[in-house]
C-alpha atoms as a PDB file:
ATOM      1  CA  MET A   1      -0.081  -0.319   0.071  1.00  0.00           C
ATOM      2  CA  ASN A   2       1.341   3.539  -1.513  1.00  0.00           C
ATOM      3  CA  ILE A   3       0.558   6.648   0.425  1.00  0.00           C
ATOM      4  CA  ALA A   4      -1.468   7.681  -2.249  1.00  0.00           C
ATOM      5  CA  GLN A   5      -3.843   4.526  -1.716  1.00  0.00           C
ATOM      6  CA  LYS A   6      -3.483   4.957   2.514  1.00  0.00           C
ATOM      7  CA  MET A   7      -4.827   8.893   2.258  1.00  0.00           C
ATOM      8  CA  LYS A   8      -7.844   7.402   0.225  1.00  0.00           C
ATOM      9  CA  ARG A   9      -8.246   4.359   2.484  1.00  0.00           C
ATOM     10  CA  GLU A  10      -7.862   6.940   5.570  1.00  0.00           C
ATOM     11  CA  TRP A  11     -10.463   9.906   4.358  1.00  0.00           C
ATOM     12  CA  ASN A  12     -12.435   7.761   3.331  1.00  0.00           C
ATOM     13  CA  GLN A  13     -13.215   6.011   6.940  1.00  0.00           C
ATOM     14  CA  ARG A  14     -12.871   9.591   8.619  1.00  0.00           C
ATOM     15  CA  ALA A  15     -15.867  10.605   5.905  1.00  0.00           C
ATOM     16  CA  GLN A  16     -17.622   7.307   6.470  1.00  0.00           C
ATOM     17  CA  HIS A  17     -17.482   8.107  10.431  1.00  0.00           C
ATOM     18  CA  HIS A  18     -18.567  11.579   9.850  1.00  0.00           C
ATOM     19  CA  ALA A  19     -18.114  13.943   6.898  1.00  0.00           C
ATOM     20  CA  GLN A  20     -18.927  17.080   8.232  1.00  0.00           C
ATOM     21  CA  TYR A  21     -16.759  16.495  11.697  1.00  0.00           C
ATOM     22  CA  TRP A  22     -13.760  15.634   9.482  1.00  0.00           C
ATOM     23  CA  VAL A  23     -14.139  19.034   7.261  1.00  0.00           C
ATOM     24  CA  ALA A  24     -14.936  21.617   9.401  1.00  0.00           C
ATOM     25  CA  THR A  25     -14.326  20.049  13.300  1.00  0.00           C
ATOM     26  CA  GLU A  26     -15.732  23.073  15.222  1.00  0.00           C
ATOM     27  CA  ASN A  27     -18.689  23.770  13.221  1.00  0.00           C
ATOM     28  CA  PHE A  28     -20.188  20.407  12.768  1.00  0.00           C
ATOM     29  CA  HIS A  29     -22.838  20.025  15.006  1.00  0.00           C
ATOM     30  CA  ASP A  30     -25.747  20.826  12.426  1.00  0.00           C
ATOM     31  CA  ASP A  31     -26.085  21.735   8.456  1.00  0.00           C
ATOM     32  CA  LYS A  32     -26.816  25.332   9.610  1.00  0.00           C
ATOM     33  CA  GLU A  33     -23.831  25.765  11.340  1.00  0.00           C
ATOM     34  CA  PHE A  34     -21.741  23.715   8.805  1.00  0.00           C
ATOM     35  CA  SER A  35     -22.907  25.741   6.148  1.00  0.00           C
ATOM     36  CA  LYS A  36     -22.490  29.392   7.940  1.00  0.00           C
ATOM     37  CA  SER A  37     -19.180  28.246   8.335  1.00  0.00           C
ATOM     38  CA  GLY A  38     -18.275  27.622   4.265  1.00  0.00           C
ATOM     39  CA  GLU A  39     -19.692  30.915   3.811  1.00  0.00           C
ATOM     40  CA  GLU A  40     -17.364  32.576   6.582  1.00  0.00           C
ATOM     41  CA  THR A  41     -14.726  30.432   4.768  1.00  0.00           C
ATOM     42  CA  ALA A  42     -15.756  31.735   0.765  1.00  0.00           C
ATOM     43  CA  GLN A  43     -16.076  35.398   2.009  1.00  0.00           C
ATOM     44  CA  ALA A  44     -12.186  35.013   3.422  1.00  0.00           C
ATOM     45  CA  LEU A  45     -11.183  33.694   0.186  1.00  0.00           C
ATOM     46  CA  LEU A  46     -12.739  36.230  -1.824  1.00  0.00           C
ATOM     47  CA  SER A  47     -11.190  39.105  -0.092  1.00  0.00           C
ATOM     48  CA  CYS A  48      -8.078  37.763  -0.834  1.00  0.00           C
ATOM     49  CA  ILE A  49      -8.587  37.521  -4.501  1.00  0.00           C
ATOM     50  CA  GLN A  50     -10.522  41.118  -5.144  1.00  0.00           C
ATOM     51  CA  PRO A  51     -10.705  43.241  -7.083  1.00  0.00           C
ATOM     52  CA  LEU A  52      -8.685  40.121  -9.524  1.00  0.00           C
ATOM     53  CA  ALA A  53     -11.781  37.787  -9.467  1.00  0.00           C
ATOM     54  CA  ASP A  54     -13.667  37.613 -12.600  1.00  0.00           C
ATOM     55  CA  ALA A  55     -16.923  36.047 -12.610  1.00  0.00           C
ATOM     56  CA  SER A  56     -16.179  34.193 -15.824  1.00  0.00           C
ATOM     57  CA  TRP A  57     -13.795  32.032 -14.219  1.00  0.00           C
ATOM     58  CA  THR A  58     -12.770  28.805 -14.093  1.00  0.00           C
ATOM     59  CA  VAL A  59     -12.013  27.484 -10.307  1.00  0.00           C
ATOM     60  CA  LEU A  60     -10.736  24.926  -8.980  1.00  0.00           C
ATOM     61  CA  GLU A  61     -10.619  23.454  -5.075  1.00  0.00           C
ATOM     62  CA  ILE A  62      -8.356  20.762  -3.987  1.00  0.00           C
ATOM     63  CA  GLY A  63      -9.185  18.855  -1.115  1.00  0.00           C
ATOM     64  CA  CYS A  64     -13.326  19.741  -1.704  1.00  0.00           C
ATOM     65  CA  GLY A  65     -14.763  16.963   0.964  1.00  0.00           C
ATOM     66  CA  VAL A  66     -18.758  17.573   0.751  1.00  0.00           C
ATOM     67  CA  GLY A  67     -18.068  20.779  -0.968  1.00  0.00           C
ATOM     68  CA  ARG A  68     -18.455  22.903   1.983  1.00  0.00           C
ATOM     69  CA  ILE A  69     -16.784  25.812   0.292  1.00  0.00           C
ATOM     70  CA  LEU A  70     -17.911  25.356  -2.886  1.00  0.00           C
ATOM     71  CA  LYS A  71     -21.338  25.743  -2.298  1.00  0.00           C
ATOM     72  CA  PRO A  72     -21.132  29.818  -1.210  1.00  0.00           C
ATOM     73  CA  LEU A  73     -18.810  30.313  -4.320  1.00  0.00           C
ATOM     74  CA  CYS A  74     -21.139  29.056  -6.761  1.00  0.00           C
ATOM     75  CA  SER A  75     -22.885  32.468  -7.158  1.00  0.00           C
ATOM     76  CA  HIS A  76     -19.424  34.032  -8.165  1.00  0.00           C
ATOM     77  CA  PHE A  77     -17.857  31.803 -10.901  1.00  0.00           C
ATOM     78  CA  LYS A  78     -18.562  30.594 -14.138  1.00  0.00           C
ATOM     79  CA  ARG A  79     -17.550  27.174 -13.013  1.00  0.00           C
ATOM     80  CA  LEU A  80     -16.044  25.020 -10.151  1.00  0.00           C
ATOM     81  CA  VAL A  81     -14.676  21.478  -9.948  1.00  0.00           C
ATOM     82  CA  GLY A  82     -13.874  20.313  -6.372  1.00  0.00           C
ATOM     83  CA  ILE A  83     -11.892  17.188  -6.161  1.00  0.00           C
ATOM     84  CA  ASP A  84     -10.860  15.044  -3.110  1.00  0.00           C
ATOM     85  CA  VAL A  85      -9.169  12.074  -1.959  1.00  0.00           C
ATOM     86  CA  SER A  86     -12.088  10.689  -0.493  1.00  0.00           C
ATOM     87  CA  GLY A  87     -14.897   8.972  -2.925  1.00  0.00           C
ATOM     88  CA  GLU A  88     -16.924   8.846   0.393  1.00  0.00           C
ATOM     89  CA  MET A  89     -16.524  12.399   0.478  1.00  0.00           C
ATOM     90  CA  ILE A  90     -17.108  13.047  -3.175  1.00  0.00           C
ATOM     91  CA  HIS A  91     -20.399  10.786  -2.955  1.00  0.00           C
ATOM     92  CA  GLN A  92     -21.827  12.999   0.137  1.00  0.00           C
ATOM     93  CA  SER A  93     -20.682  16.191  -1.601  1.00  0.00           C
ATOM     94  CA  LYS A  94     -23.229  15.464  -4.351  1.00  0.00           C
ATOM     95  CA  ASN A  95     -26.258  15.408  -1.968  1.00  0.00           C
ATOM     96  CA  TRP A  96     -24.674  18.404  -0.292  1.00  0.00           C
ATOM     97  CA  LEU A  97     -24.639  20.353  -3.978  1.00  0.00           C
ATOM     98  CA  LYS A  98     -27.572  19.130  -5.741  1.00  0.00           C
ATOM     99  CA  GLY A  99     -29.287  21.510  -7.924  1.00  0.00           C
ATOM    100  CA  LEU A 100     -25.897  23.409  -8.720  1.00  0.00           C
ATOM    101  CA  ASN A 101     -25.325  23.237 -12.075  1.00  0.00           C
ATOM    102  CA  ASN A 102     -21.809  25.200 -12.446  1.00  0.00           C
ATOM    103  CA  VAL A 103     -20.078  22.892  -9.451  1.00  0.00           C
ATOM    104  CA  GLU A 104     -18.931  19.344 -10.304  1.00  0.00           C
ATOM    105  CA  THR A 105     -17.042  17.228  -7.660  1.00  0.00           C
ATOM    106  CA  ILE A 106     -15.128  14.301  -9.024  1.00  0.00           C
ATOM    107  CA  GLU A 107     -12.728  11.590  -6.644  1.00  0.00           C
ATOM    108  CA  THR A 108      -8.886  11.819  -7.986  1.00  0.00           C
ATOM    109  CA  SER A 109      -5.815   9.732  -6.485  1.00  0.00           C
ATOM    110  CA  GLY A 110      -4.865  12.405  -3.765  1.00  0.00           C
ATOM    111  CA  VAL A 111      -1.408  13.309  -5.117  1.00  0.00           C
ATOM    112  CA  ASP A 112      -1.727  14.671  -8.752  1.00  0.00           C
ATOM    113  CA  LEU A 113      -4.167  16.700 -11.235  1.00  0.00           C
ATOM    114  CA  LYS A 114      -4.224  14.190 -14.080  1.00  0.00           C
ATOM    115  CA  SER A 115      -7.406  14.616 -14.396  1.00  0.00           C
ATOM    116  CA  PHE A 116      -7.409  18.265 -16.196  1.00  0.00           C
ATOM    117  CA  PRO A 117      -5.188  19.225 -19.279  1.00  0.00           C
ATOM    118  CA  ASP A 118      -2.674  22.000 -19.287  1.00  0.00           C
ATOM    119  CA  GLU A 119      -4.115  25.661 -18.076  1.00  0.00           C
ATOM    120  CA  THR A 120      -7.633  24.709 -17.597  1.00  0.00           C
ATOM    121  CA  PHE A 121      -8.418  27.313 -14.651  1.00  0.00           C
ATOM    122  CA  ASN A 122      -8.044  30.683 -13.419  1.00  0.00           C
ATOM    123  CA  LEU A 123      -7.777  30.156  -9.998  1.00  0.00           C
ATOM    124  CA  VAL A 124      -6.952  26.829  -7.733  1.00  0.00           C
ATOM    125  CA  TYR A 125      -7.637  27.421  -4.010  1.00  0.00           C
ATOM    126  CA  SER A 126      -7.015  24.841  -1.341  1.00  0.00           C
ATOM    127  CA  PHE A 127      -8.021  25.418   2.450  1.00  0.00           C
ATOM    128  CA  VAL A 128      -7.357  23.158   5.558  1.00  0.00           C
ATOM    129  CA  ALA A 129      -6.246  20.248   3.235  1.00  0.00           C
ATOM    130  CA  PHE A 130      -2.196  20.966   2.370  1.00  0.00           C
ATOM    131  CA  GLN A 131      -1.428  20.986   6.026  1.00  0.00           C
ATOM    132  CA  HIS A 132      -2.610  17.539   6.588  1.00  0.00           C
ATOM    133  CA  MET A 133      -0.575  16.220   3.064  1.00  0.00           C
ATOM    134  CA  PRO A 134       2.512  14.609   3.632  1.00  0.00           C
ATOM    135  CA  ARG A 135       5.222  17.097   2.349  1.00  0.00           C
ATOM    136  CA  PRO A 136       5.798  15.082  -0.903  1.00  0.00           C
ATOM    137  CA  VAL A 137       2.270  15.472  -1.282  1.00  0.00           C
ATOM    138  CA  PHE A 138       1.834  18.767  -1.122  1.00  0.00           C
ATOM    139  CA  LEU A 139       4.723  20.193  -3.022  1.00  0.00           C
ATOM    140  CA  ARG A 140       3.604  17.828  -6.233  1.00  0.00           C
ATOM    141  CA  TYR A 141      -0.003  19.875  -5.921  1.00  0.00           C
ATOM    142  CA  LEU A 142       2.343  23.306  -6.151  1.00  0.00           C
ATOM    143  CA  GLU A 143       3.906  21.403  -9.665  1.00  0.00           C
ATOM    144  CA  GLU A 144       0.687  20.605 -10.965  1.00  0.00           C
ATOM    145  CA  SER A 145      -1.014  23.712  -9.851  1.00  0.00           C
ATOM    146  CA  ASN A 146       1.069  25.595 -12.048  1.00  0.00           C
ATOM    147  CA  ARG A 147      -0.055  23.023 -15.006  1.00  0.00           C
ATOM    148  CA  VAL A 148      -3.357  23.320 -14.724  1.00  0.00           C
ATOM    149  CA  LEU A 149      -3.462  27.100 -14.194  1.00  0.00           C
ATOM    150  CA  LYS A 150      -3.947  29.687 -16.863  1.00  0.00           C
ATOM    151  CA  HIS A 151      -1.586  32.304 -18.039  1.00  0.00           C
ATOM    152  CA  GLN A 152      -1.099  34.445 -14.881  1.00  0.00           C
ATOM    153  CA  GLY A 153      -3.631  32.345 -12.900  1.00  0.00           C
ATOM    154  CA  TYR A 154      -3.770  32.599  -9.439  1.00  0.00           C
ATOM    155  CA  LEU A 155      -3.160  29.792  -6.129  1.00  0.00           C
ATOM    156  CA  LEU A 156      -4.601  30.819  -3.261  1.00  0.00           C
ATOM    157  CA  PHE A 157      -4.035  28.374  -0.362  1.00  0.00           C
ATOM    158  CA  GLN A 158      -3.621  27.974   3.243  1.00  0.00           C
ATOM    159  CA  ILE A 159      -0.861  26.421   5.319  1.00  0.00           C
ATOM    160  CA  PRO A 160       0.426  26.989   8.471  1.00  0.00           C
ATOM    161  CA  ILE A 161       3.761  28.840   8.651  1.00  0.00           C
ATOM    162  CA  GLY A 162       6.674  29.005  11.378  1.00  0.00           C
ATOM    163  CA  THR A 163       9.758  26.538  12.813  1.00  0.00           C
ATOM    164  CA  ILE A 164       9.398  23.391  10.263  1.00  0.00           C
ATOM    165  CA  ARG A 165       7.296  20.656  11.536  1.00  0.00           C
ATOM    166  CA  ASP A 166       7.173  17.423  10.332  1.00  0.00           C
ATOM    167  CA  THR A 167       6.172  13.919  10.787  1.00  0.00           C
ATOM    168  CA  ALA A 168       5.783  10.495   9.091  1.00  0.00           C
ATOM    169  CA  ILE A 169       4.723  10.228   5.524  1.00  0.00           C
ATOM    170  CA  GLU A 170       2.159   7.169   6.597  1.00  0.00           C
ATOM    171  CA  ASP A 171       0.474   9.844   8.644  1.00  0.00           C
ATOM    172  CA  THR A 172      -2.409  11.320   6.761  1.00  0.00           C
ATOM    173  CA  VAL A 173      -4.016  13.946   9.166  1.00  0.00           C
ATOM    174  CA  THR A 174      -0.970  15.429  11.339  1.00  0.00           C
ATOM    175  CA  MET A 175      -0.624  19.240  10.419  1.00  0.00           C
ATOM    176  CA  ARG A 176       2.684  19.659   8.425  1.00  0.00           C
ATOM    177  CA  GLN A 177       3.900  23.317   9.147  1.00  0.00           C
ATOM    178  CA  TYR A 178       6.905  25.379   6.713  1.00  0.00           C
ATOM    179  CA  SER A 179       8.985  28.025   7.296  1.00  0.00           C
ATOM    180  CA  THR A 180       8.523  30.997   5.313  1.00  0.00           C
ATOM    181  CA  ASN A 181      11.925  30.630   3.382  1.00  0.00           C
ATOM    182  CA  GLU A 182      10.927  27.150   2.938  1.00  0.00           C
ATOM    183  CA  LEU A 183       7.889  28.069   1.075  1.00  0.00           C
ATOM    184  CA  ALA A 184       9.068  31.013  -1.029  1.00  0.00           C
ATOM    185  CA  ASP A 185      11.548  28.833  -2.271  1.00  0.00           C
ATOM    186  CA  GLU A 186       9.112  25.925  -3.395  1.00  0.00           C
ATOM    187  CA  LEU A 187       7.084  28.808  -4.419  1.00  0.00           C
ATOM    188  CA  GLU A 188       9.783  30.087  -6.935  1.00  0.00           C
ATOM    189  CA  ARG A 189      10.851  26.427  -8.011  1.00  0.00           C
ATOM    190  CA  CYS A 190       7.048  25.564  -9.197  1.00  0.00           C
ATOM    191  CA  GLY A 191       7.097  29.279 -11.418  1.00  0.00           C
ATOM    192  CA  LEU A 192       4.377  30.703  -9.139  1.00  0.00           C
ATOM    193  CA  GLU A 193       5.151  34.465  -7.440  1.00  0.00           C
ATOM    194  CA  SER A 194       4.111  34.853  -4.352  1.00  0.00           C
ATOM    195  CA  THR A 195       2.035  37.932  -3.043  1.00  0.00           C
ATOM    196  CA  ASP A 196       1.264  39.013   0.240  1.00  0.00           C
ATOM    197  CA  HIS A 197      -0.081  37.055   2.689  1.00  0.00           C
ATOM    198  CA  TYR A 198      -3.533  37.290   4.010  1.00  0.00           C
ATOM    199  CA  PRO A 199      -4.199  36.198   7.913  1.00  0.00           C
ATOM    200  CA  VAL A 200      -7.334  34.629   8.528  1.00  0.00           C
ATOM    201  CA  ASP A 201     -10.788  36.406   9.910  1.00  0.00           C
ATOM    202  CA  SER A 202     -10.298  35.202  13.661  1.00  0.00           C
ATOM    203  CA  GLU A 203     -13.302  33.705  13.518  1.00  0.00           C
ATOM    204  CA  LEU A 204     -11.989  31.095  11.414  1.00  0.00           C
ATOM    205  CA  ARG A 205      -9.758  30.296  13.025  1.00  0.00           C
ATOM    206  CA  HIS A 206      -9.061  27.033  15.589  1.00  0.00           C
ATOM    207  CA  HIS A 207      -9.649  27.674  19.117  1.00  0.00           C
ATOM    208  CA  ARG A 208      -7.010  25.048  20.329  1.00  0.00           C
ATOM    209  CA  GLU A 209      -3.661  26.486  21.176  1.00  0.00           C
ATOM    210  CA  GLU A 210      -1.600  23.860  19.185  1.00  0.00           C
ATOM    211  CA  VAL A 211      -2.982  24.035  16.268  1.00  0.00           C
ATOM    212  CA  PRO A 212      -0.745  26.974  14.324  1.00  0.00           C
ATOM    213  CA  GLY A 213      -2.280  30.504  13.181  1.00  0.00           C
ATOM    214  CA  ARG A 214      -3.595  29.921   9.799  1.00  0.00           C
ATOM    215  CA  ILE A 215      -2.757  32.078   6.515  1.00  0.00           C
ATOM    216  CA  PHE A 216      -3.880  32.531   3.326  1.00  0.00           C
ATOM    217  CA  HIS A 217      -1.101  32.485   0.482  1.00  0.00           C
ATOM    218  CA  LEU A 218      -1.669  34.283  -2.936  1.00  0.00           C
ATOM    219  CA  ALA A 219       0.399  32.992  -5.771  1.00  0.00           C
ATOM    220  CA  LYS A 220       0.522  34.053  -9.435  1.00  0.00           C
ATOM    221  CA  LYS A 221       1.689  31.206 -12.339  1.00  0.00           C
ATOM    222  CA  THR A 222       4.668  33.821 -13.716  1.00  0.00           C
ATOM    223  CA  GLY A 223       7.057  30.555 -14.988  1.00  0.00           C
ATOM    224  CA  THR A 224       7.762  27.166 -15.197  1.00  0.00           C
ATOM    225  CA  VAL A 225       8.012  24.372 -13.033  1.00  0.00           C
ATOM    226  CA  LEU A 226      11.290  22.891 -12.386  1.00  0.00           C
ATOM    227  CA  TYR A 227       9.928  19.541 -11.223  1.00  0.00           C
ATOM    228  CA  SER A 228      11.340  17.443  -8.576  1.00  0.00           C
ATOM    229  CA  ASN A 229      13.470  14.645  -9.214  1.00  0.00           C
ATOM    230  CA  ASN A 230      12.279  12.423  -6.254  1.00  0.00           C
ATOM    231  CA  THR A 231       9.557  10.601  -6.987  1.00  0.00           C
ATOM    232  CA  ASP A 232      10.498   7.343  -5.041  1.00  0.00           C
ATOM    233  CA  TRP A 233       7.619   8.311  -1.908  1.00  0.00           C
ATOM    234  CA  LEU A 234       5.002   7.713  -5.265  1.00  0.00           C
ATOM    235  CA  GLU A 235       5.534   3.837  -5.330  1.00  0.00           C
ATOM    236  CA  SER A 236       7.103   3.555  -1.314  1.00  0.00           C
ATOM    237  CA  GLU A 237       5.365   1.091   0.708  1.00  0.00           C
ATOM    238  CA  CYS A 238       3.812   2.585   3.994  1.00  0.00           C
ATOM    239  CA  GLY A 239       3.525   0.990   7.084  1.00  0.00           C
ATOM    240  CA  GLU A 240       0.401   1.042   9.388  1.00  0.00           C
ATOM    241  CA  THR A 241       1.193   4.257  11.161  1.00  0.00           C
ATOM    242  CA  PHE A 242      -1.234   5.346  13.849  1.00  0.00           C
ATOM    243  CA  SER A 243      -1.811   8.977  14.296  1.00  0.00           C
ATOM    244  CA  LEU A 244      -1.869  10.361  18.061  1.00  0.00           C
ATOM    245  CA  LEU A 245      -3.914  13.502  16.519  1.00  0.00           C
ATOM    246  CA  ASN A 246      -6.645  10.739  14.543  1.00  0.00           C
ATOM    247  CA  THR A 247      -6.557   8.992  17.547  1.00  0.00           C
ATOM    248  CA  ARG A 248      -7.603  12.423  19.699  1.00  0.00           C
ATOM    249  CA  MET A 249      -9.899  13.757  17.303  1.00  0.00           C
ATOM    250  CA  TYR A 250     -12.117  10.368  17.378  1.00  0.00           C
ATOM    251  CA  LEU A 251     -11.943  10.024  20.856  1.00  0.00           C
ATOM    252  CA  TRP A 252     -12.666  13.504  21.211  1.00  0.00           C
ATOM    253  CA  PHE A 253     -15.981  13.412  18.883  1.00  0.00           C
ATOM    254  CA  ALA A 254     -16.967  10.598  21.404  1.00  0.00           C
ATOM    255  CA  GLU A 255     -16.882  12.488  24.099  1.00  0.00           C
ATOM    256  CA  GLN A 256     -19.256  15.196  22.902  1.00  0.00           C
ATOM    257  CA  CYS A 257     -21.625  12.304  21.847  1.00  0.00           C
ATOM    258  CA  LEU A 258     -21.342  11.301  25.475  1.00  0.00           C
ATOM    259  CA  GLN A 259     -22.407  14.907  27.037  1.00  0.00           C
ATOM    260  CA  LYS A 260     -25.215  15.190  24.797  1.00  0.00           C
ATOM    261  CA  GLY A 261     -26.198  11.873  25.762  1.00  0.00           C
ATOM    262  CA  GLN A 262     -25.631  10.127  22.360  1.00  0.00           C
ATOM    263  CA  ASP A 263     -23.958   7.145  22.967  1.00  0.00           C
ATOM    264  CA  ASP A 264     -25.013   5.228  20.277  1.00  0.00           C
ATOM    265  CA  GLU A 265     -23.017   7.418  18.056  1.00  0.00           C
ATOM    266  CA  ALA A 266     -20.143   7.466  21.005  1.00  0.00           C
ATOM    267  CA  LEU A 267     -20.313   3.794  21.158  1.00  0.00           C
ATOM    268  CA  ARG A 268     -20.393   3.692  16.897  1.00  0.00           C
ATOM    269  CA  THR A 269     -17.094   6.129  16.991  1.00  0.00           C
ATOM    270  CA  TYR A 270     -15.655   3.895  19.451  1.00  0.00           C
ATOM    271  CA  LEU A 271     -15.836   1.213  17.271  1.00  0.00           C
ATOM    272  CA  ALA A 272     -14.913   3.099  14.334  1.00  0.00           C
ATOM    273  CA  LEU A 273     -11.275   3.351  15.997  1.00  0.00           C
ATOM    274  CA  ARG A 274     -10.892   0.067  17.304  1.00  0.00           C
ATOM    275  CA  ALA A 275     -11.324  -1.032  13.662  1.00  0.00           C
ATOM    276  CA  GLN A 276      -8.461   1.028  12.760  1.00  0.00           C
ATOM    277  CA  ASP A 277      -5.903   0.832  15.992  1.00  0.00           C
ATOM    278  CA  PRO A 278      -6.867  -2.432  18.115  1.00  0.00           C
ATOM    279  CA  ARG A 279      -3.799  -1.712  20.746  1.00  0.00           C
ATOM    280  CA  SER A 280      -5.082   1.226  22.482  1.00  0.00           C
ATOM    281  CA  LEU A 281      -6.990   0.947  25.686  1.00  0.00           C
ATOM    282  CA  GLU A 282      -9.135   3.375  26.171  1.00  0.00           C
ATOM    283  CA  LYS A 283     -11.034   2.486  23.267  1.00  0.00           C
ATOM    284  CA  TRP A 284     -11.439  -0.970  24.353  1.00  0.00           C
ATOM    285  CA  ILE A 285     -12.391   0.283  28.236  1.00  0.00           C
ATOM    286  CA  ARG A 286     -15.151   2.897  26.925  1.00  0.00           C
ATOM    287  CA  THR A 287     -16.786   0.889  24.748  1.00  0.00           C
ATOM    288  CA  VAL A 288     -17.502  -1.818  27.765  1.00  0.00           C
ATOM    289  CA  GLU A 289     -18.561   1.256  29.929  1.00  0.00           C
ATOM    290  CA  ILE A 290     -21.419   1.835  27.681  1.00  0.00           C
ATOM    291  CA  LEU A 291     -22.212  -1.301  26.635  1.00  0.00           C
ATOM    292  CA  VAL A 292     -23.094  -2.123  30.563  1.00  0.00           C
ATOM    293  CA  GLN A 293     -24.866   1.282  31.388  1.00  0.00           C
ATOM    294  CA  GLN A 294     -27.001   0.330  28.094  1.00  0.00           C
ATOM    295  CA  GLY A 295     -27.300  -2.992  30.055  1.00  0.00           C
ATOM    296  CA  LYS A 296     -25.859  -4.777  27.075  1.00  0.00           C
ATOM    297  CA  HIS A 297     -23.821  -6.942  29.197  1.00  0.00           C
ATOM    298  CA  GLU A 298     -23.086  -9.942  27.271  1.00  0.00           C
ATOM    299  CA  GLU A 299     -21.531  -7.769  24.687  1.00  0.00           C
ATOM    300  CA  ALA A 300     -19.520  -5.985  26.838  1.00  0.00           C
ATOM    301  CA  GLN A 301     -18.159  -9.531  28.362  1.00  0.00           C
ATOM    302  CA  ASP A 302     -17.767 -10.393  24.537  1.00  0.00           C
ATOM    303  CA  THR A 303     -15.590  -6.841  24.084  1.00  0.00           C
ATOM    304  CA  LEU A 304     -13.967  -7.884  26.927  1.00  0.00           C
ATOM    305  CA  GLU A 305     -13.371 -11.796  25.319  1.00  0.00           C
ATOM    306  CA  LYS A 306     -11.799  -9.708  22.118  1.00  0.00           C
ATOM    307  CA  LEU A 307      -9.783  -7.940  23.753  1.00  0.00           C
ATOM    308  CA  THR A 308      -8.126 -10.372  25.289  1.00  0.00           C
ATOM    309  CA  ILE A 309      -7.265 -12.182  21.431  1.00  0.00           C
ATOM    310  CA  ALA A 310      -6.259  -8.544  19.557  1.00  0.00           C
ATOM    311  CA  ILE A 311      -3.973  -7.809  22.533  1.00  0.00           C
ATOM    312  CA  PRO A 312      -2.911 -10.648  24.925  1.00  0.00           C
ATOM    313  CA  ILE A 313      -0.738  -8.766  27.097  1.00  0.00           C
ATOM    314  CA  TYR A 314      -4.330  -6.983  28.559  1.00  0.00           C
ATOM    315  CA  GLU A 315      -5.142 -10.607  30.060  1.00  0.00           C
ATOM    316  CA  THR A 316      -5.019 -10.098  33.561  1.00  0.00           C
ATOM    317  CA  LEU A 317      -6.182  -6.272  33.513  1.00  0.00           C
ATOM    318  CA  THR A 318      -9.175  -7.651  31.891  1.00  0.00           C
ATOM    319  CA  ALA A 319     -10.138 -10.436  34.303  1.00  0.00           C
ATOM    320  CA  LEU A 320      -9.740  -7.821  36.880  1.00  0.00           C
ATOM    321  CA  LEU A 321     -12.501  -5.596  34.966  1.00  0.00           C
ATOM    322  CA  GLU A 322     -14.575  -8.786  34.342  1.00  0.00           C
ATOM    323  CA  SER A 323     -14.502  -8.854  38.442  1.00  0.00           C
ATOM    324  CA  LYS A 324     -15.382  -5.124  38.589  1.00  0.00           C
ATOM    325  CA  ASN A 325     -18.407  -5.327  36.260  1.00  0.00           C
ATOM    326  CA  CYS A 326     -19.710  -9.014  38.067  1.00  0.00           C
ATOM    327  CA  VAL A 327     -19.927  -6.530  40.989  1.00  0.00           C
ATOM    328  CA  ARG A 328     -21.180  -3.651  39.249  1.00  0.00           C
ATOM    329  CA  LEU A 329     -24.256  -5.886  37.604  1.00  0.00           C
ATOM    330  CA  GLU A 330     -24.612  -7.948  40.839  1.00  0.00           C
ATOM    331  CA  ARG A 331     -25.282  -4.416  42.705  1.00  0.00           C
ATOM    332  CA  MET A 332     -27.660  -3.101  39.788  1.00  0.00           C
ATOM    333  CA  SER A 333     -29.669  -6.404  39.802  1.00  0.00           C
ATOM    334  CA  ASN A 334     -30.131  -6.424  43.801  1.00  0.00           C
ATOM    335  CA  GLY A 335     -31.011  -2.601  43.401  1.00  0.00           C
END
């Protein structure tokens, strides 16, 4: 399994879990809130490109998800195309964008823009997508953006800037950070002339301190690409690296569900995460707790037995938990 296949598999899993959550983590609770967040992001994008933008433009979004930003942008441009590595995201986008005749969404490989001929678009943009991509994937998208842009077309994108921060290529969700000089060098290599950068409106900032501030970058196509000779990563075998951020985001979603009394949704989340990475004890224990609270004692017992099979090292601990659960069940039956 190479990195393109791994990204596709894992983003499909996230989309099947809860697409809107993985698209807009802070604004997923209902369609109205989700839609409003898309409108705010669209306005921020437009403020960066005006007065350069023209209603006759053909526009591409890289990492469109379910079409959160495409929907409010459709009235501003002649034609919009959204692409995503996740076929499940694209499937759900058809419903979200239903009735919009000038918008199209397409599943792609996640590592190139081979679906499009040279000089197709006036504008290519991306928001909260590049930051999750392995470094060579992002850099290839810079190259490909030049190719599909028309002469003096524009690339508008967001990427965290600061001290260089990276992680394993197999990690498909942890955010990477780029230095100002690194990004400037890569844009120049890709025939893109950078203009002033734009801080994102405070309303769009993520509230968690560990997430770097978001910056928009606007670059114009002014030259040709000096393509990278390093393409080994495209076919290299990926290991089963489990992202700490991925796990934390699943667990945070489940805890939010529990606080709202949505036990079944929390349980579904723990089961989804357990299927991906069975090694973490917390997911197993939380599953057992919910099943016991719901009175599904046989399922709870079965889960504990599966834990000992999946991770034999936990056999002693599981015996202790079984003992505690037996005491709890006895108290419930007597009380």
